[in-house]
Protein backbone atom coordinates (compact mmCIF):
# COMPACT_ATOMS: atom_id res chain seq x y z
CA MET A 1 -15.99 21.70 7.97
CA GLN A 2 -15.98 17.89 7.64
CA SER A 3 -16.83 18.07 3.93
CA LYS A 4 -13.73 20.22 3.25
CA LYS A 5 -11.59 17.63 4.99
CA THR A 6 -13.15 14.90 2.84
CA GLU A 7 -12.54 16.93 -0.35
CA ILE A 8 -8.91 17.52 0.64
CA LEU A 9 -8.47 13.80 1.23
CA ARG A 10 -9.91 12.93 -2.17
CA MET A 11 -7.69 15.48 -3.85
CA ILE A 12 -4.42 14.38 -2.28
CA ARG A 13 -5.27 10.68 -2.62
CA ASN A 14 -5.37 11.19 -6.38
CA ASN A 15 -2.38 13.54 -6.49
CA ALA A 16 -0.14 13.92 -3.44
CA LYS A 17 1.92 16.54 -5.29
CA LEU A 18 -0.87 19.14 -5.00
CA THR A 19 0.30 22.16 -3.05
CA VAL A 20 -1.65 23.81 -0.28
CA LYS A 21 -2.15 26.73 -2.70
CA ASP A 22 -3.53 24.41 -5.43
CA ILE A 23 -6.01 22.82 -2.96
CA ALA A 24 -7.07 26.19 -1.60
CA VAL A 25 -7.82 27.47 -5.14
CA MET A 26 -9.82 24.33 -6.01
CA LEU A 27 -11.81 24.62 -2.77
CA GLY A 28 -12.23 28.37 -2.94
CA SER A 29 -10.63 28.60 0.53
CA GLU A 30 -7.68 30.39 2.10
CA GLU A 31 -4.29 28.63 2.11
CA GLU A 32 -4.01 29.04 5.89
CA GLU A 33 -7.36 27.17 6.42
CA VAL A 34 -6.29 24.33 4.14
CA ASN A 35 -2.88 24.07 5.81
CA THR A 36 -4.58 23.92 9.23
CA LEU A 37 -7.03 21.20 8.09
CA ILE A 38 -4.19 19.09 6.64
CA LYS A 39 -2.12 19.51 9.80
CA GLU A 40 -5.11 18.44 11.93
CA MET A 41 -5.62 15.33 9.80
CA GLU A 42 -1.92 14.47 10.05
CA ASP A 43 -2.01 14.93 13.83
CA GLU A 44 -5.16 12.72 14.07
CA GLN A 45 -3.47 10.10 11.84
CA ILE A 46 -6.18 10.40 9.27
CA ILE A 47 -3.40 11.26 6.83
CA CYS A 48 -0.74 8.65 7.61
CA GLY A 49 1.77 9.36 4.88
CA TYR A 50 2.35 10.41 1.30
CA ASN A 51 3.34 7.64 -1.12
CA THR A 52 4.31 7.42 -4.76
CA VAL A 53 3.23 4.55 -7.00
CA ILE A 54 6.28 3.31 -8.89
CA ASN A 55 6.38 0.82 -11.75
CA TRP A 56 9.58 -0.95 -10.72
CA ASP A 57 9.45 -3.10 -13.82
CA LYS A 58 10.58 -0.06 -15.83
CA THR A 59 13.66 0.45 -13.68
CA ASP A 60 16.87 -1.53 -13.31
CA ASP A 61 16.00 -2.22 -9.65
CA GLU A 62 14.79 -5.82 -9.57
CA ARG A 63 11.96 -6.44 -7.11
CA VAL A 64 9.68 -9.31 -6.27
CA THR A 65 6.36 -8.74 -4.52
CA ALA A 66 4.58 -11.44 -2.62
CA LEU A 67 1.21 -11.74 -0.91
CA ILE A 68 1.33 -14.02 2.07
CA GLU A 69 -1.79 -15.43 3.69
CA VAL A 70 -1.15 -15.95 7.42
CA LYS A 71 -3.14 -17.88 9.96
CA VAL A 72 -2.37 -16.80 13.51
CA GLN A 73 -3.42 -17.63 17.06
CA PRO A 74 -4.77 -14.39 18.58
CA GLN A 75 -3.24 -13.57 21.98
CA ARG A 76 -5.36 -13.25 25.09
CA GLY A 77 -6.12 -9.63 25.82
CA GLU A 78 -4.22 -8.46 22.71
CA GLY A 79 -6.19 -10.08 19.90
CA PHE A 80 -4.34 -9.74 16.62
CA ASP A 81 -2.66 -6.39 17.38
CA ARG A 82 0.50 -7.66 19.07
CA ILE A 83 1.38 -10.14 16.31
CA ALA A 84 0.46 -7.56 13.65
CA GLU A 85 2.87 -5.11 15.23
CA ARG A 86 5.68 -7.67 15.20
CA ILE A 87 5.03 -8.41 11.54
CA TYR A 88 4.70 -4.82 10.26
CA ASN A 89 7.93 -3.78 11.88
CA TYR A 90 9.95 -5.87 9.41
CA GLU A 91 11.43 -3.67 6.66
CA GLU A 92 10.34 -6.14 3.95
CA VAL A 93 6.64 -5.72 4.87
CA THR A 94 4.98 -3.08 2.69
CA SER A 95 1.36 -3.73 3.76
CA LEU A 96 -0.47 -5.74 6.35
CA TYR A 97 -4.21 -6.32 6.67
CA LEU A 98 -6.46 -8.17 9.13
CA MET A 99 -8.81 -10.30 7.06
CA SER A 100 -12.09 -12.19 7.29
CA GLY A 101 -12.42 -15.60 5.71
CA GLY A 102 -10.06 -18.53 5.49
CA PHE A 103 -7.00 -16.82 6.92
CA ASP A 104 -6.37 -13.98 9.38
CA MET A 105 -3.81 -11.65 7.84
CA THR A 106 -2.57 -10.66 4.43
CA VAL A 107 1.08 -9.54 4.35
CA PHE A 108 2.60 -7.87 1.28
CA ILE A 109 6.37 -7.97 1.14
CA GLU A 110 9.06 -6.98 -1.30
CA GLY A 111 12.39 -8.61 -1.88
CA LYS A 112 15.13 -8.65 -4.51
CA THR A 113 14.49 -12.29 -5.48
CA MET A 114 11.99 -15.06 -4.90
CA LYS A 115 14.62 -16.77 -2.75
CA GLU A 116 14.91 -13.67 -0.53
CA VAL A 117 11.13 -13.65 -0.07
CA ALA A 118 11.14 -17.38 0.68
CA GLN A 119 13.85 -16.87 3.26
CA PHE A 120 11.89 -14.10 4.95
CA VAL A 121 8.87 -16.40 5.24
CA ALA A 122 10.94 -19.39 6.42
CA ARG A 123 13.28 -17.55 8.82
CA LYS A 124 11.21 -14.64 10.16
CA LEU A 125 7.51 -15.05 9.59
CA SER A 126 6.67 -18.73 9.91
CA PRO A 127 8.67 -19.38 13.13
CA MET A 128 7.07 -16.38 14.89
CA ASP A 129 5.11 -17.23 18.06
CA GLY A 130 1.44 -17.22 17.21
CA VAL A 131 1.82 -17.89 13.48
CA LEU A 132 0.05 -21.18 12.65
CA SER A 133 0.57 -21.31 8.88
CA THR A 134 1.48 -19.26 5.80
CA SER A 135 0.73 -19.48 2.11
CA THR A 136 2.88 -17.37 -0.25
CA HIS A 137 1.73 -16.07 -3.63
CA PHE A 138 4.10 -14.19 -5.92
CA VAL A 139 2.83 -11.15 -7.87
CA LEU A 140 3.57 -11.73 -11.56
CA LYS A 141 2.41 -8.39 -12.89
CA LYS A 142 0.83 -5.28 -11.40
CA TYR A 143 -1.94 -3.61 -13.36
CA LYS A 144 -3.25 -1.19 -10.74
CA GLU A 145 -1.87 -0.20 -7.35
CA ALA A 146 -3.27 2.20 -4.75
CA GLY A 147 -5.95 3.28 -7.23
CA THR A 148 -3.38 4.07 -9.98
CA LYS A 149 -3.01 2.15 -13.23
CA VAL A 150 0.58 0.93 -13.27
CA GLU A 151 0.80 -0.04 -16.89
CA GLN A 152 -1.70 0.93 -19.56
CA ARG A 153 -2.06 -0.81 -22.85
CA LYS A 154 -0.68 1.19 -25.70
CA LYS A 155 -3.01 1.79 -28.59
CA ASP A 156 -1.96 0.22 -31.88
CA GLU A 157 -1.20 3.31 -33.93
CA ARG A 158 -0.13 1.48 -37.06
CA GLN A 159 -2.02 2.38 -40.19
CA VAL A 160 -4.15 -0.28 -41.75
CA VAL A 161 -2.79 -1.27 -45.14
CA THR A 162 -5.17 -2.97 -47.60
CA ALA A 163 -4.35 -4.56 -50.91
């Protein structure tokens, strides 16, 4: 049973638009069984959501993405969880990870402008109790996100002309 769950996860990770019927056909299973397995994984928070990868550069909606390295002071009895919860509840935060190495957390945020991102860091993140320091890096171009190539190089389809 576990291997079917794993196969379902692999399928929907690559294409969240697959229907229960599509998955059932590919697995050689009944739709009802697939639906039950998906519901179980949602209830167990194995499946936490269904997202779409969007190349915002090809829209008229301007966005700036930043990666912020954060050093924090873990809280007694809470570790990093309490401060992580305070950070991920901000609407601007798109991803948050606990890290090993030179800093404790990586925060990804989106804003309309670099100034908006800078204000988020200055007014909300840096002054937060337990935050010791931040280092902000702006994403200049996305090549791959969530396992999906965002922008692929176009092949040069011009014909070679020789003299």
